[in-house]
Every structure is written in structure tokens, then in C-alpha cells.
């Protein structure tokens, strides 16, 4: 690249003196570089007289090639600098469907304004899958329930959403001002799968309240729970962010206390791997919204 830069400067000016002034180097250094390039190519690049130099046909061809190579090099290096500054590239986020649907949209909207050349890729799934994707390198960061992390991961608390009771509209308890976990005793409870952050919370609350429902129907995802509720097949408890995933269903929402239960969501990062620049820019945007106290859905709050 240095040889091509030197040659292009000399060839454009057809003057070693002018090129040396442009590049701020000694004229003798430019002469040696051009002679070495001619030796490597086995052709004469300039016709030289005592007064001036003029490009040969081979020299004109090389100048065109050099200009193309140098332009491509400048463009690629500029692109690399934008990547290193977090201004281009792709950030891949592994997260829960509820986070992807209800918490991330305003963050992504702000991030697009700040970094329009950086793409966002979301891998949504259960908490365990999000952590596996992060650990394997398939994701740059995860936003998920982070209890019991493997040694290679670290968590930074981000937000909490509160659990509430969800019941069929015609259920006798649907009009209550609030419910306790003990009110689920004797009810058919609709739970999500064991690999879900929601299931971890409901199992813990039932244990703390020393309550067992009459029966449990396990559903693979939150939308299935919504459908079963709408059909009157049981009751359930969900954290606030999942409500957007159940909006198609007809159900009653009742505050849930004794004990009140919050699900803590964290940004999870690898301990032994640098966060790529685009992902660092995304995290800066996310932290900025938290510091501003950007509004969150009902019963969801930022945490430090």
C-alpha cells in the first residue's frame, strides 16, 4: 500500500518534487520506492528526461489500478473505524419473548436514531436458551432472568416486572381488588414450561406461601396460556411484560400479593470475551434510557 500511495502521488503530479511535498517525505525516498516498484514489475513506469518525467503506457495502467486499490482501501478502513466506534455492524441480542416485545422496542428505536448503520438481530426464546446462545458466542449479550448463572457469565440488573393474577373473565375471583397466592389453592393452574423464567417465579411463590393448586396444566409458551385462560380452563400468574403476548385473549387481570412477586431481568455478558463495539453502543443506549427514567409498561420499573 505504501508503494502504491507513493507511486500514485508521483504519477499524478509527474514530478518527484511535487509528490515529495504532498507526502512530506524526502524526494530521494520516493525515487527509491519507484525504482523498486519498477524492478518488481519488470517494466518502466516513467520516461525520464533531465527536466521532467512522463508516465509510460504501463505507468498509466498502474496509476488507474493504484487509484482503485487505494480508494477501496480507504473505504474499507473507514468502515472499520465506524465499526470500532460502534457506528456500523450487527448487534445480536438473546432475550425472552416478553422482553423483545415490550421492553426492547423503544431501545431499538433510539438506537436506530443514534446508529442508523448498525443492525439489530434478536434471538428470542426461553431463559436457558438465551444464556446458551450467549455462552456459545451466537449472541453478543443477553437480557433475561439471571439467577444461577454459569461461572463464565456476569449479570447487571436492568428492570423488574411484577406478577399479577390472570383469570377467565367469568371466574368468581375475577372482580377481586387483589388476590394472594393462597387464593389459587384448589384451582386449576396453567403454568408455562420448566425452562421459563415465569415458571421459576410461580414455583417459588407457591413454595413461600405453602400453597398447592388442585392441578397444573403446563403450556409451552405464554400465548398458549392466554388461549387456555380464554377458554376457561384455569387460572395463572404472569409478570407484567408478558401481557403484550396475551393481548389477543380475553382475561381478567388482578393484582397479586401475599407475597408480591417481581421478576428481575438483567443484562448478561461474558466474563472472558470482549463485548463487540456495536453491542457496547447498544448497551450505552439502553443505559441512557434507564438513566433518563424512560417510561416502561405498567408494573415494570428500572433497577440499578
Protein backbone atom coordinates (compact mmCIF):
# COMPACT_ATOMS: atom_id res chain seq x y z
CA UNK A 1 0.00 0.00 0.00
CA UNK A 2 2.87 2.39 0.76
CA UNK A 3 4.40 1.75 -2.67
CA UNK A 4 1.07 2.37 -4.38
CA UNK A 5 0.47 5.60 -2.44
CA UNK A 6 3.93 6.86 -3.35
CA UNK A 7 3.61 5.86 -7.00
CA UNK A 8 0.13 7.41 -7.35
CA UNK A 9 1.35 10.73 -5.92
CA UNK A 10 4.36 10.82 -8.29
CA UNK A 11 2.33 9.66 -11.29
CA UNK A 12 -0.47 12.18 -10.77
CA UNK A 13 1.98 15.07 -10.46
CA UNK A 14 4.55 13.65 -12.92
CA UNK A 15 7.03 15.21 -10.51
CA UNK A 16 9.08 13.76 -7.68
CA UNK A 17 9.45 17.22 -6.17
CA UNK A 18 5.70 17.92 -6.05
CA UNK A 19 4.93 14.40 -4.74
CA UNK A 20 7.56 14.73 -2.01
CA UNK A 21 5.95 17.99 -0.88
CA UNK A 22 2.49 16.38 -0.90
CA UNK A 23 3.61 13.37 1.13
CA UNK A 24 6.03 15.29 3.36
CA UNK A 25 8.93 12.90 2.68
CA UNK A 26 12.35 13.21 1.09
CA UNK A 27 12.47 13.13 -2.72
CA UNK A 28 15.24 10.51 -2.62
CA UNK A 29 12.91 8.16 -0.71
CA UNK A 30 10.26 8.48 -3.41
CA UNK A 31 12.82 7.79 -6.14
CA UNK A 32 13.95 4.59 -4.40
CA UNK A 33 10.36 3.42 -3.94
CA UNK A 34 9.51 3.95 -7.64
CA UNK A 35 12.70 2.21 -8.77
CA UNK A 36 11.91 -0.75 -6.51
CA UNK A 37 8.38 -0.94 -7.91
CA UNK A 38 9.72 -0.91 -11.48
CA UNK A 39 12.15 -3.68 -10.57
CA UNK A 40 9.37 -5.81 -9.06
CA UNK A 41 7.07 -5.34 -12.07
CA UNK A 42 9.83 -5.61 -14.66
CA UNK A 43 8.60 -2.55 -16.57
CA UNK A 44 9.49 1.13 -16.87
CA UNK A 45 6.80 3.32 -15.31
CA UNK A 46 8.19 6.73 -16.35
CA UNK A 47 10.09 8.14 -19.28
CA UNK A 48 12.68 10.37 -17.63
CA UNK A 49 14.44 13.40 -19.10
CA UNK A 50 16.67 15.91 -17.40
CA UNK A 51 13.73 18.26 -16.98
CA UNK A 52 10.68 16.09 -16.26
CA UNK A 53 9.14 12.63 -16.07
CA UNK A 54 6.19 11.33 -18.03
CA UNK A 55 4.11 8.21 -17.45
CA UNK A 56 4.67 5.29 -19.82
CA UNK A 57 1.60 3.31 -21.03
CA UNK A 58 2.40 0.76 -18.30
CA UNK A 59 2.63 3.63 -15.84
CA UNK A 60 -0.79 4.96 -16.87
CA UNK A 61 -2.31 1.48 -16.41
CA UNK A 62 -0.71 1.11 -12.99
CA UNK A 63 -1.99 4.53 -11.91
CA UNK A 64 -5.57 3.52 -12.71
CA UNK A 65 -5.14 0.26 -10.79
CA UNK A 66 -3.46 2.03 -7.87
CA UNK A 67 -6.28 4.59 -7.62
CA UNK A 68 -8.87 1.79 -7.48
CA UNK A 69 -6.94 -0.12 -4.82
CA UNK A 70 -6.30 2.97 -2.71
CA UNK A 71 -9.95 4.07 -2.91
CA UNK A 72 -11.11 0.60 -1.82
CA UNK A 73 -8.56 0.60 0.99
CA UNK A 74 -9.75 4.00 2.23
CA UNK A 75 -13.37 2.88 2.13
CA UNK A 76 -12.68 -0.36 3.99
CA UNK A 77 -10.59 1.36 6.66
CA UNK A 78 -13.28 3.99 7.11
CA UNK A 79 -15.81 1.18 7.53
CA UNK A 80 -13.57 -0.48 10.09
CA UNK A 81 -13.28 2.78 12.03
CA UNK A 82 -17.09 3.09 12.06
CA UNK A 83 -17.32 -0.49 13.35
CA UNK A 84 -14.74 0.19 16.09
CA UNK A 85 -16.73 3.27 17.07
CA UNK A 86 -19.91 1.16 17.25
CA UNK A 87 -21.44 3.02 14.30
CA UNK A 88 -21.88 0.03 11.97
CA UNK A 89 -22.10 -3.74 12.11
CA UNK A 90 -24.62 -6.05 13.80
CA UNK A 91 -25.52 -6.44 17.47
CA UNK A 92 -27.11 -9.79 18.35
CA UNK A 93 -29.27 -9.95 21.47
CA UNK A 94 -30.54 -13.16 23.07
CA UNK A 95 -33.60 -12.44 25.17
CA UNK A 96 -37.04 -13.51 26.33
CA UNK A 97 -40.06 -13.04 24.02
CA UNK A 98 -41.67 -10.68 26.54
CA UNK A 99 -38.55 -8.52 26.72
CA UNK A 100 -38.25 -8.48 22.93
CA UNK A 101 -41.88 -7.46 22.52
CA UNK A 102 -42.38 -4.99 25.38
CA UNK A 103 -39.04 -3.67 26.69
CA UNK A 104 -36.73 -3.51 23.68
CA UNK A 105 -38.78 -1.61 21.03
CA UNK A 106 -38.10 1.90 22.45
CA UNK A 107 -34.44 1.00 22.96
CA UNK A 108 -34.11 -0.18 19.36
CA UNK A 109 -35.91 2.94 18.09
CA UNK A 110 -33.44 5.20 19.95
CA UNK A 111 -30.51 3.07 18.83
CA UNK A 112 -31.55 3.35 15.18
CA UNK A 113 -31.56 7.14 15.52
CA UNK A 114 -28.05 7.10 17.01
CA UNK A 115 -26.53 4.32 14.89
CA UNK A 116 -28.52 4.03 11.64
CA UNK A 117 -25.84 1.82 10.02
CA UNK A 118 -25.86 -0.76 12.82
CA UNK A 119 -28.35 -3.62 12.52
CA UNK A 120 -30.04 -5.32 15.48
CA UNK A 121 -30.68 -9.06 15.50
CA UNK A 122 -32.93 -10.53 18.20
CA UNK A 123 -32.83 -14.20 19.18
CA UNK A 124 -35.86 -14.71 21.43
CA UNK A 125 -36.59 -17.82 23.44
CA UNK A 126 -36.59 -19.20 26.95
CA UNK A 127 -34.09 -18.01 29.57
CA UNK A 128 -31.90 -21.11 29.33
CA UNK A 129 -31.68 -20.79 25.54
CA UNK A 130 -30.71 -17.11 25.84
CA UNK A 131 -27.83 -17.97 28.17
CA UNK A 132 -26.69 -20.83 25.94
CA UNK A 133 -26.62 -18.53 22.91
CA UNK A 134 -24.54 -16.01 24.82
CA UNK A 135 -22.11 -18.62 26.14
CA UNK A 136 -21.63 -20.14 22.67
CA UNK A 137 -20.91 -16.77 21.05
CA UNK A 138 -24.09 -16.80 18.96
CA UNK A 139 -25.20 -13.65 20.82
CA UNK A 140 -23.23 -10.60 21.95
CA UNK A 141 -25.35 -10.04 25.05
CA UNK A 142 -28.45 -11.43 26.73
CA UNK A 143 -31.33 -9.75 28.55
CA UNK A 144 -33.02 -12.35 30.69
CA UNK A 145 -33.73 -13.80 34.12
CA UNK A 146 -30.27 -14.40 35.53
CA UNK A 147 -30.48 -16.48 38.71
CA UNK A 148 -27.85 -19.23 38.96
CA UNK A 149 -25.56 -18.06 36.16
CA UNK A 150 -22.66 -20.25 34.98
CA UNK A 151 -19.19 -19.09 36.02
CA UNK A 152 -18.40 -17.68 32.57
CA UNK A 153 -21.24 -15.13 32.65
CA UNK A 154 -21.92 -11.98 34.68
CA UNK A 155 -25.16 -10.07 35.21
CA UNK A 156 -26.03 -6.38 35.50
CA UNK A 157 -29.56 -5.75 36.90
CA UNK A 158 -31.79 -3.87 34.47
CA UNK A 159 -35.51 -3.99 35.32
CA UNK A 160 -38.18 -5.75 37.33
CA UNK A 161 -41.76 -6.60 36.40
CA UNK A 162 -44.42 -7.60 38.91
CA UNK A 163 -46.55 -10.74 38.70
CA UNK A 164 -50.33 -10.40 38.56
CA UNK A 165 -53.14 -12.95 38.54
CA UNK A 166 -54.84 -13.72 35.24
CA UNK A 167 -58.25 -15.37 35.27
CA UNK A 168 -61.11 -16.10 32.88
CA UNK A 169 -63.49 -13.09 32.90
CA UNK A 170 -66.32 -15.21 34.34
CA UNK A 171 -64.22 -16.60 37.20
CA UNK A 172 -65.65 -15.85 40.68
CA UNK A 173 -62.38 -14.13 41.70
CA UNK A 174 -62.10 -12.00 38.55
CA UNK A 175 -63.63 -8.96 40.23
CA UNK A 176 -61.42 -9.01 43.33
CA UNK A 177 -59.40 -5.91 44.23
CA UNK A 178 -56.38 -8.13 44.87
CA UNK A 179 -55.53 -11.77 45.35
CA UNK A 180 -52.97 -13.75 47.32
CA UNK A 181 -51.22 -16.90 46.19
CA UNK A 182 -53.35 -18.77 48.70
CA UNK A 183 -56.38 -17.96 46.55
CA UNK A 184 -55.00 -20.35 43.93
CA UNK A 185 -55.48 -23.27 46.34
CA UNK A 186 -58.00 -25.63 44.84
CA UNK A 187 -57.76 -24.00 41.40
CA UNK A 188 -56.56 -25.48 38.14
CA UNK A 189 -53.34 -23.58 37.49
CA UNK A 190 -51.94 -23.05 33.98
CA UNK A 191 -48.15 -22.90 34.12
CA UNK A 192 -45.52 -22.35 31.45
CA UNK A 193 -42.65 -24.80 30.88
CA UNK A 194 -40.00 -25.51 33.49
CA UNK A 195 -37.30 -23.72 31.42
CA UNK A 196 -39.17 -20.40 31.67
CA UNK A 197 -38.32 -17.50 33.99
CA UNK A 198 -42.08 -17.23 34.67
CA UNK A 199 -42.23 -20.81 35.94
CA UNK A 200 -39.28 -20.23 38.27
CA UNK A 201 -41.16 -17.32 39.82
CA UNK A 202 -44.51 -19.06 40.29
CA UNK A 203 -42.89 -22.20 41.75
CA UNK A 204 -41.01 -20.03 44.27
CA UNK A 205 -44.15 -18.07 45.24
CA UNK A 206 -46.18 -21.23 45.78
CA UNK A 207 -43.40 -22.63 47.98
CA UNK A 208 -43.19 -19.42 50.06
CA UNK A 209 -46.96 -19.33 50.51
CA UNK A 210 -47.07 -23.08 51.27
CA UNK A 211 -49.85 -23.46 48.71
CA UNK A 212 -50.52 -26.06 46.04
CA UNK A 213 -53.13 -25.68 43.29
CA UNK A 214 -55.56 -28.51 42.68
CA UNK A 215 -53.88 -29.32 39.37
CA UNK A 216 -51.38 -27.93 36.92
CA UNK A 217 -51.66 -27.73 33.14
CA UNK A 218 -48.29 -26.98 31.56
CA UNK A 219 -48.16 -24.88 28.40
CA UNK A 220 -45.20 -24.39 26.11
CA UNK A 221 -45.44 -20.61 25.88
CA UNK A 222 -47.33 -17.58 27.13
CA UNK A 223 -49.67 -17.28 24.15
CA UNK A 224 -50.88 -20.82 24.81
CA UNK A 225 -51.62 -19.82 28.41
CA UNK A 226 -53.71 -16.95 27.07
CA UNK A 227 -55.74 -19.28 24.89
CA UNK A 228 -56.36 -21.74 27.74
CA UNK A 229 -57.41 -18.89 30.03
CA UNK A 230 -59.82 -17.52 27.45
CA UNK A 231 -61.36 -20.99 27.22
CA UNK A 232 -61.95 -21.01 30.99
CA UNK A 233 -59.61 -23.93 31.63
CA UNK A 234 -57.79 -22.48 34.62
CA UNK A 235 -56.05 -19.52 36.23
CA UNK A 236 -52.46 -18.34 36.06
CA UNK A 237 -49.95 -15.71 37.18
CA UNK A 238 -47.80 -13.69 34.79
CA UNK A 239 -45.23 -10.88 35.04
CA UNK A 240 -46.22 -7.55 33.57
CA UNK A 241 -44.05 -7.61 30.44
CA UNK A 242 -45.73 -10.76 29.11
CA UNK A 243 -49.10 -9.04 28.88
CA UNK A 244 -48.38 -7.89 25.34
CA UNK A 245 -48.05 -11.56 24.33
CA UNK A 246 -51.54 -12.32 25.67
CA UNK A 247 -53.35 -9.29 24.27
CA UNK A 248 -55.39 -11.46 21.89
CA UNK A 249 -57.04 -13.31 24.80
CA UNK A 250 -59.99 -12.24 26.95
CA UNK A 251 -58.95 -12.40 30.61
CA UNK A 252 -59.18 -10.53 33.91
CA UNK A 253 -56.02 -9.03 35.46
CA UNK A 254 -55.89 -8.77 39.26
CA UNK A 255 -53.01 -7.53 41.49
CA UNK A 256 -51.28 -10.42 43.23
CA UNK A 257 -49.95 -10.07 46.78
CA UNK A 258 -49.04 -12.18 49.81
CA UNK A 259 -46.31 -12.41 48.66
CA UNK A 260 -45.87 -9.73 45.99
CA UNK A 261 -43.52 -11.20 43.41
CA UNK A 262 -41.18 -9.44 41.00
CA UNK A 263 -39.14 -10.95 38.19
CA UNK A 264 -35.69 -9.38 37.90
CA UNK A 265 -34.27 -9.05 34.41
CA UNK A 266 -30.57 -8.45 33.84
CA UNK A 267 -28.14 -7.71 31.07
CA UNK A 268 -25.89 -10.76 30.95
CA UNK A 269 -22.39 -10.55 29.45
CA UNK A 270 -19.49 -12.98 29.06
CA UNK A 271 -16.66 -12.68 31.58
CA UNK A 272 -13.87 -13.82 29.25
CA UNK A 273 -14.92 -12.21 25.98
CA UNK A 274 -14.85 -8.56 24.95
CA UNK A 275 -18.20 -7.08 24.02
CA UNK A 276 -18.02 -6.04 20.33
CA UNK A 277 -18.22 -2.29 19.59
CA UNK A 278 -21.78 -2.39 18.13
CA UNK A 279 -23.01 -4.19 21.26
CA UNK A 280 -21.24 -1.66 23.50
CA UNK A 281 -23.05 1.12 21.65
CA UNK A 282 -26.37 -0.67 22.18
CA UNK A 283 -25.66 -1.05 25.90
CA UNK A 284 -24.83 2.66 26.11
CA UNK A 285 -28.19 3.44 24.53
CA UNK A 286 -30.00 1.09 26.92
CA UNK A 287 -28.29 2.62 29.96
CA UNK A 288 -29.10 6.09 28.69
CA UNK A 289 -32.82 5.31 28.60
CA UNK A 290 -32.64 3.85 32.10
CA UNK A 291 -30.82 6.92 33.44
CA UNK A 292 -33.46 9.15 31.82
CA UNK A 293 -36.19 7.13 33.52
CA UNK A 294 -37.78 6.35 30.16
CA UNK A 295 -41.41 5.22 30.74
CA UNK A 296 -41.98 1.47 30.99
CA UNK A 297 -45.19 -0.55 30.81
CA UNK A 298 -47.41 -0.71 33.92
CA UNK A 299 -45.88 -2.64 36.85
CA UNK A 300 -42.41 -2.57 35.30
CA UNK A 301 -39.56 -0.48 36.73
CA UNK A 302 -35.89 0.16 36.10
CA UNK A 303 -33.43 -1.08 38.73
CA UNK A 304 -29.78 -0.21 39.39
